[in-house]
Protein backbone atom coordinates (compact mmCIF):
# COMPACT_ATOMS: atom_id res chain seq x y z
CA MET A 1 -0.65 -0.46 -0.19
CA PHE A 2 2.97 1.94 1.02
CA ASN A 3 4.50 1.69 -2.49
CA THR A 4 0.74 2.29 -4.58
CA LEU A 5 -0.24 5.69 -2.51
CA PHE A 6 3.11 6.95 -2.03
CA LEU A 7 6.09 5.61 -3.47
CA GLN A 8 5.05 4.50 -7.49
CA PRO A 9 3.14 8.23 -7.44
CA ILE A 10 6.09 10.71 -6.17
CA TYR A 11 9.07 8.38 -8.40
CA ASN A 12 6.52 8.64 -11.65
CA THR A 13 6.51 12.38 -11.14
CA VAL A 14 9.76 13.46 -10.36
CA LEU A 15 10.47 11.47 -13.75
CA PHE A 16 7.48 13.38 -15.67
CA PHE A 17 9.15 16.69 -14.92
CA VAL A 18 12.57 15.82 -15.29
CA ASN A 19 11.40 14.84 -18.36
CA ILE A 20 9.95 18.04 -19.39
CA ILE A 21 12.41 20.15 -17.75
CA PRO A 22 15.56 20.96 -20.27
CA ASN A 23 18.57 19.83 -19.23
CA HIS A 24 16.40 16.39 -17.05
CA ASP A 25 17.53 19.17 -14.10
CA ILE A 26 16.55 16.67 -10.91
CA GLY A 27 16.86 19.77 -8.16
CA ILE A 28 14.18 22.18 -10.17
CA ALA A 29 12.19 18.66 -10.58
CA ILE A 30 12.35 17.56 -6.90
CA ILE A 31 11.50 21.49 -6.63
CA LEU A 32 8.36 20.95 -8.61
CA THR A 33 7.41 18.40 -6.80
CA THR A 34 7.37 19.39 -3.67
CA VAL A 35 5.29 21.75 -4.86
CA LEU A 36 2.73 19.92 -6.39
CA VAL A 37 2.65 17.27 -3.47
CA LYS A 38 2.17 21.16 -0.86
CA LEU A 39 -1.41 21.46 -3.37
CA ILE A 40 -1.83 19.12 -2.91
CA LEU A 41 -2.09 20.03 0.80
CA LEU A 42 -3.24 22.63 0.60
CA PRO A 43 -6.42 21.92 2.11
CA LEU A 44 -5.49 20.15 4.70
CA ASN A 45 -2.36 22.76 5.58
CA LEU A 46 -4.68 25.64 5.49
CA SER A 47 -7.56 23.58 8.18
CA ALA A 48 -4.44 22.90 10.36
CA GLN A 49 -3.68 26.54 10.59
CA ARG A 50 -6.63 27.37 10.80
CA SER A 51 -7.66 25.71 13.69
CA THR A 52 -4.40 26.39 15.02
CA TYR A 53 -4.88 29.97 15.50
CA LEU A 54 -8.75 29.80 16.41
CA MET A 55 -7.98 27.49 18.94
CA LYS A 56 -6.07 30.23 20.34
CA GLU A 57 -9.42 32.20 20.12
CA VAL A 58 -11.55 30.08 21.34
CA GLN A 59 -9.76 30.07 24.64
CA ILE A 60 -11.10 32.48 27.18
CA GLU A 61 -14.41 30.42 26.31
CA ILE A 62 -13.45 27.17 26.34
CA ASP A 63 -12.25 28.91 30.35
CA GLU A 64 -15.36 30.04 31.09
CA ILE A 65 -17.12 26.71 30.24
CA LYS A 66 -14.56 24.51 32.52
CA SER A 67 -14.84 27.52 35.18
CA LYS A 68 -19.29 26.67 35.14
CA HIS A 69 -19.08 23.43 35.01
CA LYS A 70 -15.51 22.46 37.54
CA GLY A 71 -15.59 19.03 38.41
CA ASP A 72 -18.37 17.93 35.06
CA ASN A 73 -15.87 16.45 32.78
CA LYS A 74 -18.45 15.28 30.50
CA LYS A 75 -20.12 18.44 30.68
CA ILE A 76 -16.91 20.09 29.68
CA THR A 77 -15.88 17.85 27.43
CA GLU A 78 -19.83 18.17 25.48
CA GLU A 79 -19.80 21.76 25.56
CA THR A 80 -15.76 21.79 24.24
CA LEU A 81 -16.91 20.05 20.98
CA ALA A 82 -20.34 21.94 20.78
CA LEU A 83 -18.23 25.16 20.38
CA TYR A 84 -15.34 23.17 17.99
CA LYS A 85 -18.21 22.23 15.90
CA LYS A 86 -20.10 25.90 15.97
CA LYS A 87 -16.33 27.96 15.18
CA LYS A 88 -15.81 24.97 12.18
CA ILE A 89 -12.60 24.07 13.99
CA ASN A 90 -10.79 20.88 14.31
CA PRO A 91 -8.58 19.99 16.83
CA PHE A 92 -7.20 17.56 15.13
CA SER A 93 -6.28 18.59 11.71
CA SER A 94 -2.51 19.28 13.09
CA ILE A 95 -1.87 15.79 13.86
CA PHE A 96 -3.52 14.64 10.80
CA THR A 97 -1.51 16.34 8.04
CA LEU A 98 1.87 15.39 10.38
CA LEU A 99 1.14 11.26 9.77
CA ILE A 100 0.33 12.14 6.12
CA GLN A 101 3.58 14.47 5.83
CA ILE A 102 5.17 11.59 7.63
CA PRO A 103 5.13 8.83 4.07
CA VAL A 104 5.48 11.52 1.94
CA PHE A 105 9.07 12.22 3.21
CA PHE A 106 9.75 7.99 3.79
CA ALA A 107 8.87 7.94 -0.16
CA LEU A 108 11.42 10.77 -1.19
CA TYR A 109 14.67 8.71 1.01
CA PHE A 110 13.76 5.66 -0.35
CA VAL A 111 13.34 7.21 -4.56
CA PHE A 112 16.68 8.70 -3.91
CA ARG A 113 18.69 7.00 -1.44
CA ASP A 114 20.30 4.91 -4.42
CA GLY A 115 20.28 8.04 -6.86
CA VAL A 116 17.78 8.09 -9.31
CA VAL A 117 17.84 4.82 -11.20
CA LEU A 118 15.47 2.85 -13.56
CA LYS A 119 13.17 0.80 -10.87
CA GLU A 120 10.80 -0.75 -13.50
CA ASN A 121 8.49 -1.99 -10.10
CA LEU A 122 7.87 1.14 -9.56
CA ILE A 123 8.07 2.62 -12.92
CA TYR A 124 4.63 3.82 -14.71
CA SER A 125 4.13 2.08 -18.73
CA PHE A 126 2.82 5.72 -19.58
CA ILE A 127 6.68 7.08 -17.76
CA HIS A 128 9.97 6.95 -20.13
CA PHE A 129 13.27 7.08 -18.32
CA PRO A 130 15.49 9.59 -19.30
CA GLU A 131 19.42 7.74 -20.50
CA ASN A 132 22.10 9.01 -19.21
CA LEU A 133 20.29 10.43 -16.28
CA LYS A 134 22.77 12.29 -13.61
CA ASP A 135 21.85 12.85 -9.65
CA LEU A 136 23.26 16.29 -9.92
CA ALA A 137 20.78 19.34 -9.06
CA PHE A 138 21.47 22.46 -10.86
CA GLY A 139 24.50 21.30 -12.32
CA PHE A 140 26.67 21.27 -8.99
CA LEU A 141 24.72 19.04 -6.04
CA ASP A 142 24.79 15.64 -5.97
CA LEU A 143 21.69 14.56 -4.33
CA THR A 144 22.92 10.77 -2.50
CA LYS A 145 25.22 12.81 -0.77
CA GLN A 146 25.26 14.98 2.50
CA TYR A 147 25.92 19.17 2.67
CA TRP A 148 25.88 21.08 5.93
CA PHE A 149 24.88 23.72 4.35
CA LEU A 150 21.65 22.24 3.59
CA GLY A 151 21.36 20.94 7.24
CA VAL A 152 21.80 25.37 7.73
CA LEU A 153 19.37 25.82 5.11
CA THR A 154 16.36 23.39 6.99
CA GLY A 155 17.07 24.93 9.99
CA VAL A 156 16.97 28.42 9.29
CA THR A 157 13.80 28.05 7.52
CA MET A 158 12.19 26.00 10.00
CA TYR A 159 12.62 27.76 12.42
CA ILE A 160 11.23 31.10 10.68
CA PHE A 161 8.29 29.58 10.30
CA SER A 162 8.03 28.45 13.91
CA LYS A 163 8.70 31.64 15.16
CA ARG A 164 6.47 33.31 13.05
CA GLN A 165 3.75 30.22 15.08
CA ALA A 166 4.82 31.46 18.35
CA ASP A 167 5.02 35.54 17.61
CA ALA A 168 1.10 35.28 16.33
CA PHE A 169 -0.04 35.69 19.65
CA LYS A 170 2.83 37.06 21.77
CA ASN A 171 0.89 39.98 22.62
CA VAL A 172 -2.04 38.18 23.97
CA LYS A 173 -2.56 39.00 27.90
CA GLU A 174 -3.74 35.87 29.42
CA ASN A 175 -5.83 35.09 32.30
CA LYS A 176 -3.11 36.13 35.37
CA GLU A 177 -4.50 32.65 37.76
CA ASN A 178 -2.89 30.89 35.10
CA ASP A 179 -0.29 32.04 34.56
CA THR A 180 1.75 29.99 36.72
CA SER A 181 -0.25 26.80 36.24
CA PHE A 182 1.15 23.55 35.20
CA LYS A 183 -1.14 23.65 31.95
CA ALA A 184 0.57 27.02 30.96
CA VAL A 185 4.60 26.04 32.22
CA PHE A 186 3.99 23.21 29.81
CA ALA A 187 2.55 24.66 26.70
CA LYS A 188 5.36 27.21 27.01
CA ASN A 189 8.00 24.76 27.16
CA MET A 190 6.15 23.11 24.42
CA GLN A 191 6.23 26.12 22.53
CA MET A 192 10.15 26.46 23.07
CA GLN A 193 11.27 23.29 21.77
CA MET A 194 8.98 23.23 18.52
CA THR A 195 10.48 27.30 18.10
CA TYR A 196 14.14 25.81 18.60
CA PHE A 197 14.84 22.37 19.49
CA LEU A 198 13.10 21.17 16.37
CA PRO A 199 14.57 22.82 13.88
CA VAL A 200 18.24 22.33 15.40
CA ILE A 201 16.66 18.70 14.97
CA SER A 202 15.95 19.53 11.40
CA GLY A 203 18.82 21.30 10.33
CA PHE A 204 20.39 18.21 11.74
CA SER A 205 18.89 15.49 10.04
CA ALA A 206 18.67 17.35 6.42
CA ALA A 207 23.18 17.62 7.22
CA VAL A 208 22.87 13.71 7.38
CA PHE A 209 20.26 12.65 5.58
CA PRO A 210 20.63 12.27 1.22
CA ALA A 211 20.55 16.27 -0.31
CA VAL A 212 17.36 15.31 -1.53
CA ILE A 213 15.48 15.50 2.02
CA GLY A 214 17.03 19.28 2.63
CA LEU A 215 15.71 20.57 -0.78
CA TYR A 216 12.32 19.02 0.26
CA TRP A 217 12.43 20.53 3.24
CA VAL A 218 14.21 23.42 2.79
CA VAL A 219 11.10 24.34 -0.13
CA ASN A 220 8.56 22.48 2.27
CA ASN A 221 9.50 25.06 4.91
CA ILE A 222 9.57 28.30 2.68
CA LEU A 223 6.12 27.14 1.06
CA ASN A 224 5.02 26.82 5.46
CA ILE A 225 5.93 30.47 5.31
CA PHE A 226 4.42 31.90 2.70
CA GLN A 227 1.52 29.56 3.69
CA ASP A 228 1.39 31.38 7.40
CA ILE A 229 1.41 34.88 5.94
CA TYR A 230 -1.79 34.08 3.53
CA ILE A 231 -3.77 32.89 6.79
CA LYS A 232 -3.15 35.17 9.18
CA ARG A 233 -3.90 37.94 6.58
CA LYS A 234 -7.13 35.62 5.85
CA LEU A 235 -7.98 35.74 9.57
CA ASN A 236 -6.69 38.94 10.36
CA ILE A 237 -5.17 37.56 13.21
CA GLU A 238 -3.85 41.47 14.84
CA LYS A 239 -7.42 42.12 15.37
CA PHE A 240 -7.86 39.14 16.92
CA VAL A 241 -5.78 39.50 19.65
CA LYS A 242 -6.19 43.32 20.03
CA GLU A 243 -10.41 42.07 20.39
CA HIS A 244 -9.19 39.61 22.76
CA ASN A 245 -7.10 42.03 25.08
CA LYS A 246 -9.51 44.40 24.99
CA HIS A 247 -11.99 41.74 26.54
CA LEU A 248 -9.62 40.41 29.64
CA SER A 249 -8.97 44.34 30.13
């Protein structure tokens, strides 16, 4: 199932782009494949980011529900889910989006770990494998080797994306009685790990994996940044922050 749903489509998509690109540049084919995958996953990614931001928006209402029905977990759950439904928020969309991207990552790795070679068990009958195809991207980057600068670019672009998400609500005032709660402290620690630790791990991984993984991550992260800019403008995050703080004043 993995081969049919992920490995074969990605392998043949790369070959399709290679065939239509002048000089059969595998690097450009990888970028176009990444963009295509991103476009396919765009509805899921937009839904995930939308839910992430809107969950911040309804946090005050959730706190009020918990205060109103303190001790009645069943009632709290029912009213919280009703609120999510009313606001059209899917709290599990981020997890689902991440789970979808994991097999895409591994499919890219398996496609390129041995270089761009003819794999008769994967290639579609209507796809032509180019003769004398090289693993060089842009004429100099061997996608089967490791490059430290791709690790740096991966870490930096992922940090920018993570920081943008963390900064979206950095000026939001919080209920003071909850500032030192375990939940608040845990959330802040998780946010710090996502902002700083994850980019470091991803950057290191991109530096030791074949260059195709780093190239994919860099392009994907850049697309994530532009996607984040788009959805923030669409949801008017700055307006929400002002209204949120006014509500707490």
